Every structure is written in structure tokens, then in C-alpha cells.
């Protein structure tokens, strides 16, 4: 089996990018029906349909954030109290 090079792997697309591309495709496909609805209602229906269609598609995972490490209290504080 061949190993895939980094160039062969598909670009990971976020949820928002995928939904926007689906919305534009739906809008182009239904451009003939644009005159039947008001502009506001048509855009709202396109947005709703884009959300429904994009819910089943795989998306890129969210990047994990690195949590800042907490400073560890040193044993020097305890030793200074004992000396006093």
C-alpha cells in the first residue's frame, strides 16, 4: 500500500467554510425561484437549508489549546518559615 504524501491529503475545511460553500451551491441551484420569495426570506431559507445539509458532513477537528502551566510552589517557602 502506498503512503500518502502531505500534498495528497485533502485540505481540512471548517464547519463554517463547508456550510458557506453548501449555501452558495444551493443559492445558485435555486436562483430561478428567487423572484417567488422576498430577498430576506430567500436568504433565511438558504441559510437554514445549508445548516441542515452540512450537519452530516465531516469537518476538521478543532485545534486543542495549550493550557498554561501553573507555577508550582517551591519548598523554599516552607523552609524559610521553619528557620524563623
N, C-alpha and C. Protein backbone atom coordinates (compact mmCIF):
# COMPACT_ATOMS: atom_id res chain seq x y z
N UNK A 1 0.83 -1.17 0.00
CA UNK A 1 0.00 0.00 0.00
C UNK A 1 0.88 1.24 0.00
N UNK A 2 0.51 2.22 -0.83
CA UNK A 2 1.29 3.44 -0.95
C UNK A 2 1.04 4.36 0.23
N UNK A 3 2.10 5.03 0.63
CA UNK A 3 1.95 6.05 1.66
C UNK A 3 1.57 7.35 0.98
N UNK A 4 0.69 8.08 1.62
CA UNK A 4 0.27 9.36 1.06
C UNK A 4 1.27 10.44 1.42
N UNK A 5 1.58 11.23 0.46
CA UNK A 5 2.45 12.37 0.74
C UNK A 5 1.59 13.51 1.28
N UNK A 6 2.20 14.47 1.97
CA UNK A 6 1.42 15.59 2.52
C UNK A 6 0.66 16.36 1.45
N UNK A 7 1.14 16.33 0.21
CA UNK A 7 0.46 17.04 -0.87
C UNK A 7 -0.83 16.34 -1.28
N UNK A 8 -0.91 15.02 -1.08
CA UNK A 8 -2.08 14.26 -1.49
C UNK A 8 -3.24 14.36 -0.50
N UNK A 9 -2.97 14.72 0.73
CA UNK A 9 -4.03 14.78 1.72
C UNK A 9 -4.92 15.98 1.43
N UNK A 10 -6.23 15.81 1.56
CA UNK A 10 -7.13 16.93 1.29
C UNK A 10 -7.06 17.99 2.39
N UNK A 11 -7.31 19.22 1.99
CA UNK A 11 -7.29 20.33 2.95
C UNK A 11 -8.50 20.18 3.88
N UNK A 12 -8.28 20.36 5.17
CA UNK A 12 -9.36 20.25 6.12
C UNK A 12 -10.13 21.56 6.14
N UNK A 13 -11.46 21.45 6.06
CA UNK A 13 -12.32 22.61 5.97
C UNK A 13 -13.12 22.72 7.26
N UNK A 14 -13.26 23.94 7.76
CA UNK A 14 -14.01 24.16 8.98
C UNK A 14 -15.51 24.05 8.70
N UNK A 15 -16.30 23.99 9.77
CA UNK A 15 -17.75 23.88 9.64
C UNK A 15 -18.31 25.09 8.89
N UNK A 16 -17.81 26.26 9.25
CA UNK A 16 -18.34 27.49 8.66
C UNK A 16 -18.03 27.55 7.16
N UNK A 17 -16.82 27.18 6.78
CA UNK A 17 -16.45 27.20 5.36
C UNK A 17 -17.29 26.20 4.57
N UNK A 18 -17.48 25.01 5.15
CA UNK A 18 -18.27 23.98 4.46
C UNK A 18 -19.72 24.43 4.32
N UNK A 19 -20.29 25.01 5.37
CA UNK A 19 -21.67 25.48 5.33
C UNK A 19 -21.82 26.59 4.30
N UNK A 20 -20.86 27.51 4.25
CA UNK A 20 -20.93 28.61 3.27
C UNK A 20 -20.86 28.09 1.84
N UNK A 21 -20.02 27.09 1.60
CA UNK A 21 -19.93 26.55 0.24
C UNK A 21 -21.22 25.84 -0.15
N UNK A 22 -21.85 25.14 0.80
CA UNK A 22 -23.12 24.48 0.52
C UNK A 22 -24.20 25.52 0.25
N UNK A 23 -24.21 26.61 1.04
CA UNK A 23 -25.20 27.67 0.85
C UNK A 23 -25.08 28.31 -0.52
N UNK A 24 -23.85 28.55 -0.99
CA UNK A 24 -23.68 29.17 -2.31
C UNK A 24 -24.14 28.22 -3.41
N UNK A 25 -23.89 26.92 -3.25
CA UNK A 25 -24.34 25.95 -4.26
C UNK A 25 -25.86 25.87 -4.30
N UNK A 26 -26.50 25.91 -3.13
CA UNK A 26 -27.97 25.87 -3.09
C UNK A 26 -28.54 27.15 -3.70
N UNK A 27 -27.92 28.27 -3.39
CA UNK A 27 -28.40 29.55 -3.91
C UNK A 27 -28.31 29.59 -5.44
N UNK A 28 -27.23 29.06 -5.99
CA UNK A 28 -27.07 29.02 -7.45
C UNK A 28 -28.11 28.09 -8.06
N UNK A 29 -28.34 26.95 -7.42
CA UNK A 29 -29.30 25.98 -7.95
C UNK A 29 -30.73 26.52 -7.91
N UNK A 30 -31.04 27.29 -6.89
CA UNK A 30 -32.41 27.80 -6.74
C UNK A 30 -32.55 29.26 -7.16
N UNK A 31 -31.64 29.75 -7.96
CA UNK A 31 -31.69 31.16 -8.37
C UNK A 31 -32.95 31.47 -9.17
N UNK A 32 -33.53 30.49 -9.82
CA UNK A 32 -34.76 30.70 -10.58
C UNK A 32 -35.96 30.96 -9.69
N UNK A 33 -35.90 30.50 -8.44
CA UNK A 33 -37.02 30.68 -7.52
C UNK A 33 -36.89 31.96 -6.69
N UNK A 34 -35.85 32.73 -6.94
CA UNK A 34 -35.58 33.92 -6.14
C UNK A 34 -36.73 34.93 -6.21
N UNK A 35 -37.39 35.03 -7.34
CA UNK A 35 -38.46 36.02 -7.50
C UNK A 35 -39.74 35.63 -6.76
N UNK A 36 -39.87 34.38 -6.32
CA UNK A 36 -41.07 33.93 -5.62
C UNK A 36 -41.09 34.35 -4.16
N UNK A 37 -39.91 34.60 -3.58
CA UNK A 37 -39.80 35.00 -2.18
C UNK A 37 -39.15 36.37 -2.09
N UNK A 38 -39.34 37.01 -0.94
CA UNK A 38 -38.62 38.26 -0.71
C UNK A 38 -37.14 37.92 -0.50
N UNK A 39 -36.28 38.90 -0.67
CA UNK A 39 -34.82 38.67 -0.55
C UNK A 39 -34.46 38.16 0.84
N UNK A 40 -35.07 38.75 1.87
CA UNK A 40 -34.76 38.37 3.25
C UNK A 40 -35.20 36.93 3.53
N UNK A 41 -36.41 36.57 3.08
CA UNK A 41 -36.92 35.22 3.32
C UNK A 41 -36.11 34.20 2.54
N UNK A 42 -35.74 34.53 1.31
CA UNK A 42 -34.95 33.61 0.49
C UNK A 42 -33.59 33.34 1.13
N UNK A 43 -32.92 34.39 1.62
CA UNK A 43 -31.61 34.18 2.24
C UNK A 43 -31.73 33.39 3.54
N UNK A 44 -32.81 33.60 4.29
CA UNK A 44 -33.03 32.86 5.52
C UNK A 44 -33.27 31.37 5.23
N UNK A 45 -34.05 31.08 4.20
CA UNK A 45 -34.31 29.69 3.82
C UNK A 45 -33.04 29.00 3.32
N UNK A 46 -32.22 29.73 2.57
CA UNK A 46 -30.95 29.17 2.09
C UNK A 46 -30.04 28.86 3.27
N UNK A 47 -30.00 29.76 4.24
CA UNK A 47 -29.16 29.55 5.41
C UNK A 47 -29.62 28.33 6.21
N UNK A 48 -30.92 28.19 6.37
CA UNK A 48 -31.47 27.05 7.11
C UNK A 48 -31.17 25.74 6.37
N UNK A 49 -31.31 25.74 5.06
CA UNK A 49 -31.02 24.54 4.27
C UNK A 49 -29.54 24.20 4.33
N UNK A 50 -28.68 25.21 4.32
CA UNK A 50 -27.24 24.98 4.43
C UNK A 50 -26.86 24.34 5.74
N UNK A 51 -27.50 24.76 6.83
CA UNK A 51 -27.24 24.16 8.13
C UNK A 51 -27.69 22.70 8.16
N UNK A 52 -28.85 22.41 7.56
CA UNK A 52 -29.35 21.05 7.55
C UNK A 52 -28.46 20.12 6.74
N UNK A 53 -28.03 20.57 5.57
CA UNK A 53 -27.19 19.73 4.72
C UNK A 53 -25.78 19.56 5.26
N UNK A 54 -25.26 20.56 5.93
CA UNK A 54 -23.88 20.48 6.42
C UNK A 54 -23.76 19.72 7.73
N UNK A 55 -24.87 19.42 8.39
CA UNK A 55 -24.80 18.75 9.69
C UNK A 55 -24.26 17.32 9.58
N UNK A 56 -24.42 16.67 8.44
CA UNK A 56 -23.97 15.29 8.31
C UNK A 56 -22.59 15.13 7.70
N UNK A 57 -21.95 16.21 7.31
CA UNK A 57 -20.65 16.11 6.66
C UNK A 57 -19.52 16.19 7.67
N UNK A 58 -18.45 15.45 7.44
CA UNK A 58 -17.31 15.51 8.37
C UNK A 58 -16.57 16.84 8.23
N UNK A 59 -16.05 17.33 9.34
CA UNK A 59 -15.34 18.60 9.33
C UNK A 59 -13.98 18.45 10.00
N UNK A 60 -13.20 19.49 9.91
CA UNK A 60 -11.88 19.49 10.54
C UNK A 60 -12.04 19.56 12.06
N UNK A 61 -11.22 18.84 12.80
CA UNK A 61 -11.32 18.92 14.26
C UNK A 61 -10.84 20.27 14.76
N UNK A 62 -11.39 20.69 15.89
CA UNK A 62 -10.98 21.96 16.47
C UNK A 62 -9.57 21.81 17.03
N UNK A 63 -8.75 22.83 16.84
CA UNK A 63 -7.40 22.75 17.41
C UNK A 63 -7.46 22.82 18.93
N UNK A 64 -6.64 22.01 19.58
CA UNK A 64 -6.63 22.00 21.03
C UNK A 64 -5.73 23.12 21.53
N UNK A 65 -6.22 23.81 22.55
CA UNK A 65 -5.44 24.90 23.13
C UNK A 65 -4.50 24.35 24.19
N UNK A 66 -3.34 24.92 24.25
CA UNK A 66 -2.39 24.57 25.28
C UNK A 66 -2.74 25.35 26.53
N UNK A 67 -2.96 24.65 27.63
CA UNK A 67 -3.26 25.32 28.88
C UNK A 67 -1.96 25.80 29.50
N UNK A 68 -1.96 27.02 30.01
CA UNK A 68 -0.73 27.49 30.66
C UNK A 68 -0.50 26.70 31.95
N UNK A 69 0.74 26.35 32.19
CA UNK A 69 1.06 25.58 33.39
C UNK A 69 1.09 26.50 34.59
N UNK A 70 0.54 25.99 35.67
CA UNK A 70 0.53 26.76 36.91
C UNK A 70 1.90 26.67 37.56
N UNK A 71 2.28 27.74 38.22
CA UNK A 71 3.56 27.77 38.91
C UNK A 71 3.46 26.88 40.15
N UNK A 72 4.43 26.03 40.33
CA UNK A 72 4.45 25.12 41.47
C UNK A 72 5.13 25.82 42.63
N UNK A 73 4.49 25.76 43.79
CA UNK A 73 5.10 26.38 44.97
C UNK A 73 6.33 25.56 45.36
N UNK A 74 7.37 26.26 45.62
CA UNK A 74 8.63 25.59 45.94
C UNK A 74 8.71 25.30 47.43
N UNK A 75 9.55 24.40 47.77
CA UNK A 75 9.74 24.01 49.17
C UNK A 75 10.52 25.08 49.93
N UNK A 76 11.06 26.06 49.25
CA UNK A 76 11.85 27.10 49.91
C UNK A 76 10.99 27.94 50.84
N UNK A 77 9.72 28.13 50.51
CA UNK A 77 8.84 28.89 51.37
C UNK A 77 8.66 28.19 52.72
N UNK A 78 8.51 26.88 52.70
CA UNK A 78 8.32 26.12 53.92
C UNK A 78 9.61 26.15 54.77
N UNK A 79 10.75 26.09 54.13
CA UNK A 79 11.99 26.08 54.87
C UNK A 79 12.28 27.45 55.51
N UNK A 80 11.85 28.53 54.89
CA UNK A 80 12.08 29.86 55.46
C UNK A 80 11.21 30.06 56.69
N UNK A 81 10.03 29.45 56.69
CA UNK A 81 9.16 29.57 57.87
C UNK A 81 9.72 28.80 59.05
N UNK A 82 10.34 27.65 58.79
CA UNK A 82 10.90 26.84 59.87
C UNK A 82 12.14 27.51 60.49
N UNK A 83 12.92 28.20 59.69
CA UNK A 83 14.13 28.85 60.17
C UNK A 83 13.80 30.02 61.10
N UNK A 84 12.70 30.70 60.89
CA UNK A 84 12.37 31.87 61.69
C UNK A 84 12.00 31.55 63.12
